[in-house]
Amino acid sequence: MITRKEYQNSQKRNNIDDDFIKRDEPVEEPTFSRSQPDEKQGNEHAMTPEQKTKRLGRRLNWAIVFLILAIIVVYLILIYVNP
């Protein structure tokens, strides 16, 4: 009959041996292939600085509008929930 400690030690040794075997197995090298860029990606790279500035300005305007609406909603909640 084998004791629990002996069994655990044998399992540890087997795991270590398995790790060495896995380490020595050859690994498949990833293949890198170039895919054709989408039109959208090509368009973003072709944007002029002026176009990028306009797009950023539009996004900032929407962010400001969203924040103002969120502040108004919070104030309304505070007014009507906490009489």
PDB file of N, CA and C in Angstrom:
ATOM      1  N   MET A   1       0.843  -1.179   0.000  1.00  0.00           N
ATOM      2  CA  MET A   1       0.000   0.000   0.000  1.00  0.00           C
ATOM      3  C   MET A   1       0.891   1.246   0.000  1.00  0.00           C
ATOM      4  N   ILE A   2       0.524   2.217  -0.823  1.00  0.00           N
ATOM      5  CA  ILE A   2       1.295   3.437  -0.958  1.00  0.00           C
ATOM      6  C   ILE A   2       0.649   4.540  -0.108  1.00  0.00           C
ATOM      7  N   THR A   3       1.478   5.354   0.517  1.00  0.00           N
ATOM      8  CA  THR A   3       0.939   6.424   1.358  1.00  0.00           C
ATOM      9  C   THR A   3       0.557   7.615   0.471  1.00  0.00           C
ATOM     10  N   ARG A   4      -0.211   8.492   1.082  1.00  0.00           N
ATOM     11  CA  ARG A   4      -0.671   9.664   0.343  1.00  0.00           C
ATOM     12  C   ARG A   4       0.507  10.538  -0.071  1.00  0.00           C
ATOM     13  N   LYS A   5       1.472  10.720   0.815  1.00  0.00           N
ATOM     14  CA  LYS A   5       2.618  11.568   0.522  1.00  0.00           C
ATOM     15  C   LYS A   5       3.442  10.985  -0.622  1.00  0.00           C
ATOM     16  N   GLU A   6       3.641   9.681  -0.618  1.00  0.00           N
ATOM     17  CA  GLU A   6       4.383   9.052  -1.703  1.00  0.00           C
ATOM     18  C   GLU A   6       3.647   9.212  -3.036  1.00  0.00           C
ATOM     19  N   TYR A   7       2.328   9.056  -2.991  1.00  0.00           N
ATOM     20  CA  TYR A   7       1.527   9.209  -4.199  1.00  0.00           C
ATOM     21  C   TYR A   7       1.636  10.642  -4.744  1.00  0.00           C
ATOM     22  N   GLN A   8       1.528  11.628  -3.848  1.00  0.00           N
ATOM     23  CA  GLN A   8       1.623  13.018  -4.280  1.00  0.00           C
ATOM     24  C   GLN A   8       2.999  13.320  -4.856  1.00  0.00           C
ATOM     25  N   ASN A   9       4.040  12.785  -4.233  1.00  0.00           N
ATOM     26  CA  ASN A   9       5.389  13.011  -4.752  1.00  0.00           C
ATOM     27  C   ASN A   9       5.553  12.387  -6.134  1.00  0.00           C
ATOM     28  N   SER A  10       4.995  11.187  -6.327  1.00  0.00           N
ATOM     29  CA  SER A  10       5.105  10.555  -7.641  1.00  0.00           C
ATOM     30  C   SER A  10       4.326  11.358  -8.682  1.00  0.00           C
ATOM     31  N   GLN A  11       3.172  11.911  -8.311  1.00  0.00           N
ATOM     32  CA  GLN A  11       2.405  12.731  -9.236  1.00  0.00           C
ATOM     33  C   GLN A  11       3.170  13.999  -9.611  1.00  0.00           C
ATOM     34  N   LYS A  12       3.836  14.609  -8.634  1.00  0.00           N
ATOM     35  CA  LYS A  12       4.633  15.801  -8.917  1.00  0.00           C
ATOM     36  C   LYS A  12       5.748  15.473  -9.889  1.00  0.00           C
ATOM     37  N   ARG A  13       6.424  14.340  -9.669  1.00  0.00           N
ATOM     38  CA  ARG A  13       7.505  13.939 -10.574  1.00  0.00           C
ATOM     39  C   ARG A  13       6.971  13.688 -11.975  1.00  0.00           C
ATOM     40  N   ASN A  14       5.805  13.061 -12.076  1.00  0.00           N
ATOM     41  CA  ASN A  14       5.223  12.799 -13.387  1.00  0.00           C
ATOM     42  C   ASN A  14       4.860  14.111 -14.091  1.00  0.00           C
ATOM     43  N   ASN A  15       4.335  15.079 -13.334  1.00  0.00           N
ATOM     44  CA  ASN A  15       3.992  16.369 -13.925  1.00  0.00           C
ATOM     45  C   ASN A  15       5.234  17.085 -14.417  1.00  0.00           C
ATOM     46  N   ILE A  16       6.292  17.029 -13.653  1.00  0.00           N
ATOM     47  CA  ILE A  16       7.543  17.676 -14.067  1.00  0.00           C
ATOM     48  C   ILE A  16       8.061  17.011 -15.331  1.00  0.00           C
ATOM     49  N   ASP A  17       8.016  15.673 -15.389  1.00  0.00           N
ATOM     50  CA  ASP A  17       8.462  14.965 -16.587  1.00  0.00           C
ATOM     51  C   ASP A  17       7.602  15.343 -17.790  1.00  0.00           C
ATOM     52  N   ASP A  18       6.279  15.453 -17.575  1.00  0.00           N
ATOM     53  CA  ASP A  18       5.390  15.836 -18.667  1.00  0.00           C
ATOM     54  C   ASP A  18       5.710  17.240 -19.173  1.00  0.00           C
ATOM     55  N   ASP A  19       6.037  18.146 -18.249  1.00  0.00           N
ATOM     56  CA  ASP A  19       6.378  19.505 -18.654  1.00  0.00           C
ATOM     57  C   ASP A  19       7.627  19.511 -19.524  1.00  0.00           C
ATOM     58  N   PHE A  20       8.624  18.696 -19.171  1.00  0.00           N
ATOM     59  CA  PHE A  20       9.840  18.635 -19.974  1.00  0.00           C
ATOM     60  C   PHE A  20       9.557  18.041 -21.345  1.00  0.00           C
ATOM     61  N   ILE A  21       8.693  17.059 -21.400  1.00  0.00           N
ATOM     62  CA  ILE A  21       8.358  16.454 -22.685  1.00  0.00           C
ATOM     63  C   ILE A  21       7.629  17.465 -23.560  1.00  0.00           C
ATOM     64  N   LYS A  22       6.674  18.197 -22.978  1.00  0.00           N
ATOM     65  CA  LYS A  22       5.933  19.199 -23.746  1.00  0.00           C
ATOM     66  C   LYS A  22       6.860  20.306 -24.224  1.00  0.00           C
ATOM     67  N   ARG A  23       7.823  20.658 -23.406  1.00  0.00           N
ATOM     68  CA  ARG A  23       8.739  21.726 -23.770  1.00  0.00           C
ATOM     69  C   ARG A  23       9.601  21.332 -24.963  1.00  0.00           C
ATOM     70  N   ASP A  24       9.932  20.053 -25.051  1.00  0.00           N
ATOM     71  CA  ASP A  24      10.802  19.588 -26.118  1.00  0.00           C
ATOM     72  C   ASP A  24      10.062  19.318 -27.423  1.00  0.00           C
ATOM     73  N   GLU A  25       8.719  19.309 -27.404  1.00  0.00           N
ATOM     74  CA  GLU A  25       7.970  19.070 -28.626  1.00  0.00           C
ATOM     75  C   GLU A  25       8.093  20.266 -29.561  1.00  0.00           C
ATOM     76  N   PRO A  26       8.145  20.007 -30.863  1.00  0.00           N
ATOM     77  CA  PRO A  26       8.248  21.136 -31.797  1.00  0.00           C
ATOM     78  C   PRO A  26       6.965  21.969 -31.785  1.00  0.00           C
ATOM     79  N   VAL A  27       7.144  23.254 -31.942  1.00  0.00           N
ATOM     80  CA  VAL A  27       6.017  24.187 -31.931  1.00  0.00           C
ATOM     81  C   VAL A  27       5.803  24.679 -33.349  1.00  0.00           C
ATOM     82  N   GLU A  28       4.542  24.751 -33.750  1.00  0.00           N
ATOM     83  CA  GLU A  28       4.245  25.265 -35.077  1.00  0.00           C
ATOM     84  C   GLU A  28       4.512  26.766 -35.115  1.00  0.00           C
ATOM     85  N   GLU A  29       5.226  27.181 -36.121  1.00  0.00           N
ATOM     86  CA  GLU A  29       5.521  28.596 -36.279  1.00  0.00           C
ATOM     87  C   GLU A  29       4.318  29.284 -36.918  1.00  0.00           C
ATOM     88  N   PRO A  30       3.934  30.439 -36.417  1.00  0.00           N
ATOM     89  CA  PRO A  30       2.800  31.140 -37.030  1.00  0.00           C
ATOM     90  C   PRO A  30       3.185  31.656 -38.408  1.00  0.00           C
ATOM     91  N   THR A  31       2.232  31.622 -39.288  1.00  0.00           N
ATOM     92  CA  THR A  31       2.474  32.147 -40.627  1.00  0.00           C
ATOM     93  C   THR A  31       1.857  33.537 -40.717  1.00  0.00           C
ATOM     94  N   PHE A  32       2.614  34.429 -41.271  1.00  0.00           N
ATOM     95  CA  PHE A  32       2.148  35.796 -41.416  1.00  0.00           C
ATOM     96  C   PHE A  32       1.833  36.041 -42.878  1.00  0.00           C
ATOM     97  N   SER A  33       0.599  36.393 -43.138  1.00  0.00           N
ATOM     98  CA  SER A  33       0.210  36.680 -44.506  1.00  0.00           C
ATOM     99  C   SER A  33      -0.419  38.056 -44.551  1.00  0.00           C
ATOM    100  N   ARG A  34      -0.167  38.726 -45.619  1.00  0.00           N
ATOM    101  CA  ARG A  34      -0.738  40.061 -45.774  1.00  0.00           C
ATOM    102  C   ARG A  34      -2.106  39.949 -46.390  1.00  0.00           C
ATOM    103  N   SER A  35      -3.065  40.576 -45.744  1.00  0.00           N
ATOM    104  CA  SER A  35      -4.407  40.607 -46.306  1.00  0.00           C
ATOM    105  C   SER A  35      -4.600  41.952 -46.985  1.00  0.00           C
ATOM    106  N   GLN A  36      -5.517  41.976 -47.894  1.00  0.00           N
ATOM    107  CA  GLN A  36      -5.807  43.215 -48.613  1.00  0.00           C
ATOM    108  C   GLN A  36      -6.493  44.189 -47.671  1.00  0.00           C
ATOM    109  N   PRO A  37      -6.012  45.418 -47.584  1.00  0.00           N
ATOM    110  CA  PRO A  37      -6.666  46.392 -46.693  1.00  0.00           C
ATOM    111  C   PRO A  37      -8.050  46.751 -47.210  1.00  0.00           C
ATOM    112  N   ASP A  38      -8.959  46.916 -46.285  1.00  0.00           N
ATOM    113  CA  ASP A  38     -10.306  47.339 -46.652  1.00  0.00           C
ATOM    114  C   ASP A  38     -10.275  48.780 -47.122  1.00  0.00           C
ATOM    115  N   GLU A  39     -11.301  49.165 -47.831  1.00  0.00           N
ATOM    116  CA  GLU A  39     -11.368  50.540 -48.310  1.00  0.00           C
ATOM    117  C   GLU A  39     -11.443  51.522 -47.150  1.00  0.00           C
ATOM    118  N   LYS A  40     -12.151  51.121 -46.097  1.00  0.00           N
ATOM    119  CA  LYS A  40     -12.305  52.014 -44.949  1.00  0.00           C
ATOM    120  C   LYS A  40     -10.957  52.263 -44.280  1.00  0.00           C
ATOM    121  N   GLN A  41     -10.170  51.206 -44.116  1.00  0.00           N
ATOM    122  CA  GLN A  41      -8.865  51.378 -43.493  1.00  0.00           C
ATOM    123  C   GLN A  41      -7.970  52.257 -44.361  1.00  0.00           C
ATOM    124  N   GLY A  42      -8.023  52.047 -45.643  1.00  0.00           N
ATOM    125  CA  GLY A  42      -7.225  52.871 -46.540  1.00  0.00           C
ATOM    126  C   GLY A  42      -7.674  54.321 -46.502  1.00  0.00           C
ATOM    127  N   ASN A  43      -8.973  54.549 -46.315  1.00  0.00           N
ATOM    128  CA  ASN A  43      -9.517  55.892 -46.257  1.00  0.00           C
ATOM    129  C   ASN A  43      -9.043  56.612 -44.999  1.00  0.00           C
ATOM    130  N   GLU A  44      -8.949  55.900 -43.878  1.00  0.00           N
ATOM    131  CA  GLU A  44      -8.512  56.536 -42.639  1.00  0.00           C
ATOM    132  C   GLU A  44      -7.055  56.976 -42.735  1.00  0.00           C
ATOM    133  N   HIS A  45      -6.253  56.205 -43.422  1.00  0.00           N
ATOM    134  CA  HIS A  45      -4.854  56.574 -43.550  1.00  0.00           C
ATOM    135  C   HIS A  45      -4.677  57.740 -44.519  1.00  0.00           C
ATOM    136  N   ALA A  46      -5.645  57.901 -45.413  1.00  0.00           N
ATOM    137  CA  ALA A  46      -5.538  58.947 -46.414  1.00  0.00           C
ATOM    138  C   ALA A  46      -6.183  60.253 -45.958  1.00  0.00           C
ATOM    139  N   MET A  47      -6.683  60.291 -44.726  1.00  0.00           N
ATOM    140  CA  MET A  47      -7.347  61.508 -44.254  1.00  0.00           C
ATOM    141  C   MET A  47      -6.323  62.612 -44.037  1.00  0.00           C
ATOM    142  N   THR A  48      -6.730  63.814 -44.389  1.00  0.00           N
ATOM    143  CA  THR A  48      -5.855  64.958 -44.181  1.00  0.00           C
ATOM    144  C   THR A  48      -5.979  65.415 -42.731  1.00  0.00           C
ATOM    145  N   PRO A  49      -5.031  66.167 -42.258  1.00  0.00           N
ATOM    146  CA  PRO A  49      -5.127  66.678 -40.881  1.00  0.00           C
ATOM    147  C   PRO A  49      -6.383  67.514 -40.646  1.00  0.00           C
ATOM    148  N   GLU A  50      -6.841  68.229 -41.678  1.00  0.00           N
ATOM    149  CA  GLU A  50      -8.058  69.031 -41.534  1.00  0.00           C
ATOM    150  C   GLU A  50      -9.271  68.140 -41.316  1.00  0.00           C
ATOM    151  N   GLN A  51      -9.333  67.033 -42.046  1.00  0.00           N
ATOM    152  CA  GLN A  51     -10.449  66.102 -41.885  1.00  0.00           C
ATOM    153  C   GLN A  51     -10.413  65.458 -40.501  1.00  0.00           C
ATOM    154  N   LYS A  52      -9.221  65.122 -40.049  1.00  0.00           N
ATOM    155  CA  LYS A  52      -9.090  64.526 -38.722  1.00  0.00           C
ATOM    156  C   LYS A  52      -9.530  65.511 -37.642  1.00  0.00           C
ATOM    157  N   THR A  53      -9.186  66.785 -37.826  1.00  0.00           N
ATOM    158  CA  THR A  53      -9.571  67.810 -36.856  1.00  0.00           C
ATOM    159  C   THR A  53     -11.081  67.985 -36.823  1.00  0.00           C
ATOM    160  N   LYS A  54     -11.719  67.990 -37.995  1.00  0.00           N
ATOM    161  CA  LYS A  54     -13.174  68.124 -38.043  1.00  0.00           C
ATOM    162  C   LYS A  54     -13.852  66.932 -37.379  1.00  0.00           C
ATOM    163  N   ARG A  55     -13.336  65.726 -37.643  1.00  0.00           N
ATOM    164  CA  ARG A  55     -13.925  64.531 -37.054  1.00  0.00           C
ATOM    165  C   ARG A  55     -13.774  64.555 -35.531  1.00  0.00           C
ATOM    166  N   LEU A  56     -12.606  64.964 -35.056  1.00  0.00           N
ATOM    167  CA  LEU A  56     -12.380  65.052 -33.619  1.00  0.00           C
ATOM    168  C   LEU A  56     -13.299  66.098 -32.998  1.00  0.00           C
ATOM    169  N   GLY A  57     -13.473  67.241 -33.666  1.00  0.00           N
ATOM    170  CA  GLY A  57     -14.364  68.281 -33.167  1.00  0.00           C
ATOM    171  C   GLY A  57     -15.799  67.796 -33.053  1.00  0.00           C
ATOM    172  N   ARG A  58     -16.256  67.042 -34.061  1.00  0.00           N
ATOM    173  CA  ARG A  58     -17.610  66.497 -34.027  1.00  0.00           C
ATOM    174  C   ARG A  58     -17.779  65.530 -32.863  1.00  0.00           C
ATOM    175  N   ARG A  59     -16.783  64.677 -32.649  1.00  0.00           N
ATOM    176  CA  ARG A  59     -16.867  63.721 -31.534  1.00  0.00           C
ATOM    177  C   ARG A  59     -16.865  64.449 -30.187  1.00  0.00           C
ATOM    178  N   LEU A  60     -16.055  65.487 -30.081  1.00  0.00           N
ATOM    179  CA  LEU A  60     -16.027  66.250 -28.833  1.00  0.00           C
ATOM    180  C   LEU A  60     -17.355  66.960 -28.597  1.00  0.00           C
ATOM    181  N   ASN A  61     -17.961  67.483 -29.642  1.00  0.00           N
ATOM    182  CA  ASN A  61     -19.264  68.135 -29.486  1.00  0.00           C
ATOM    183  C   ASN A  61     -20.306  67.143 -28.978  1.00  0.00           C
ATOM    184  N   TRP A  62     -20.319  65.929 -29.542  1.00  0.00           N
ATOM    185  CA  TRP A  62     -21.268  64.912 -29.075  1.00  0.00           C
ATOM    186  C   TRP A  62     -20.987  64.525 -27.626  1.00  0.00           C
ATOM    187  N   ALA A  63     -19.711  64.451 -27.253  1.00  0.00           N
ATOM    188  CA  ALA A  63     -19.372  64.115 -25.873  1.00  0.00           C
ATOM    189  C   ALA A  63     -19.854  65.207 -24.918  1.00  0.00           C
ATOM    190  N   ILE A  64     -19.704  66.458 -25.309  1.00  0.00           N
ATOM    191  CA  ILE A  64     -20.160  67.568 -24.475  1.00  0.00           C
ATOM    192  C   ILE A  64     -21.680  67.536 -24.329  1.00  0.00           C
ATOM    193  N   VAL A  65     -22.392  67.303 -25.415  1.00  0.00           N
ATOM    194  CA  VAL A  65     -23.856  67.228 -25.367  1.00  0.00           C
ATOM    195  C   VAL A  65     -24.288  66.093 -24.443  1.00  0.00           C
ATOM    196  N   PHE A  66     -23.651  64.955 -24.571  1.00  0.00           N
ATOM    197  CA  PHE A  66     -23.992  63.812 -23.724  1.00  0.00           C
ATOM    198  C   PHE A  66     -23.757  64.135 -22.247  1.00  0.00           C
ATOM    199  N   LEU A  67     -22.650  64.778 -21.915  1.00  0.00           N
ATOM    200  CA  LEU A  67     -22.358  65.112 -20.520  1.00  0.00           C
ATOM    201  C   LEU A  67     -23.361  66.123 -19.962  1.00  0.00           C
ATOM    202  N   ILE A  68     -23.749  67.106 -20.771  1.00  0.00           N
ATOM    203  CA  ILE A  68     -24.739  68.090 -20.318  1.00  0.00           C
ATOM    204  C   ILE A  68     -26.073  67.403 -20.039  1.00  0.00           C
ATOM    205  N   LEU A  69     -26.489  66.504 -20.937  1.00  0.00           N
ATOM    206  CA  LEU A  69     -27.737  65.772 -20.717  1.00  0.00           C
ATOM    207  C   LEU A  69     -27.652  64.890 -19.468  1.00  0.00           C
ATOM    208  N   ALA A  70     -26.515  64.275 -19.249  1.00  0.00           N
ATOM    209  CA  ALA A  70     -26.350  63.437 -18.061  1.00  0.00           C
ATOM    210  C   ALA A  70     -26.441  64.275 -16.786  1.00  0.00           C
ATOM    211  N   ILE A  71     -25.867  65.471 -16.793  1.00  0.00           N
ATOM    212  CA  ILE A  71     -25.935  66.357 -15.623  1.00  0.00           C
ATOM    213  C   ILE A  71     -27.380  66.777 -15.367  1.00  0.00           C
ATOM    214  N   ILE A  72     -28.112  67.103 -16.425  1.00  0.00           N
ATOM    215  CA  ILE A  72     -29.523  67.488 -16.266  1.00  0.00           C
ATOM    216  C   ILE A  72     -30.330  66.336 -15.683  1.00  0.00           C
ATOM    217  N   VAL A  73     -30.103  65.136 -16.173  1.00  0.00           N
ATOM    218  CA  VAL A  73     -30.827  63.962 -15.652  1.00  0.00           C
ATOM    219  C   VAL A  73     -30.516  63.753 -14.174  1.00  0.00           C
ATOM    220  N   VAL A  74     -29.264  63.908 -13.787  1.00  0.00           N
ATOM    221  CA  VAL A  74     -28.891  63.732 -12.374  1.00  0.00           C
ATOM    222  C   VAL A  74     -29.588  64.775 -11.518  1.00  0.00           C
ATOM    223  N   TYR A  75     -29.599  66.038 -11.964  1.00  0.00           N
ATOM    224  CA  TYR A  75     -30.288  67.079 -11.191  1.00  0.00           C
ATOM    225  C   TYR A  75     -31.783  66.792 -11.072  1.00  0.00           C
ATOM    226  N   LEU A  76     -32.404  66.341 -12.140  1.00  0.00           N
ATOM    227  CA  LEU A  76     -33.828  66.004 -12.072  1.00  0.00           C
ATOM    228  C   LEU A  76     -34.078  64.868 -11.087  1.00  0.00           C
ATOM    229  N   ILE A  77     -33.225  63.892 -11.096  1.00  0.00           N
ATOM    230  CA  ILE A  77     -33.376  62.784 -10.141  1.00  0.00           C
ATOM    231  C   ILE A  77     -33.221  63.298  -8.715  1.00  0.00           C
ATOM    232  N   LEU A  78     -32.240  64.144  -8.497  1.00  0.00           N
ATOM    233  CA  LEU A  78     -32.028  64.686  -7.143  1.00  0.00           C
ATOM    234  C   LEU A  78     -33.219  65.528  -6.689  1.00  0.00           C
ATOM    235  N   ILE A  79     -33.804  66.288  -7.587  1.00  0.00           N
ATOM    236  CA  ILE A  79     -34.925  67.151  -7.216  1.00  0.00           C
ATOM    237  C   ILE A  79     -36.161  66.337  -6.883  1.00  0.00           C
ATOM    238  N   TYR A  80     -36.517  65.362  -7.724  1.00  0.00           N
ATOM    239  CA  TYR A  80     -37.777  64.656  -7.551  1.00  0.00           C
ATOM    240  C   TYR A  80     -37.688  63.451  -6.614  1.00  0.00           C
ATOM    241  N   VAL A  81     -36.531  62.897  -6.414  1.00  0.00           N
ATOM    242  CA  VAL A  81     -36.419  61.733  -5.542  1.00  0.00           C
ATOM    243  C   VAL A  81     -36.203  62.155  -4.100  1.00  0.00           C
ATOM    244  N   ASN A  82     -35.553  63.253  -3.897  1.00  0.00           N
ATOM    245  CA  ASN A  82     -35.219  63.708  -2.549  1.00  0.00           C
ATOM    246  C   ASN A  82     -35.989  64.975  -2.205  1.00  0.00           C
ATOM    247  N   PRO A  83     -37.291  64.878  -1.861  1.00  0.00           N
ATOM    248  CA  PRO A  83     -38.093  66.104  -1.612  1.00  0.00           C
ATOM    249  C   PRO A  83     -37.758  66.787  -0.307  1.00  0.00           C
TER     250      PRO A  83
END
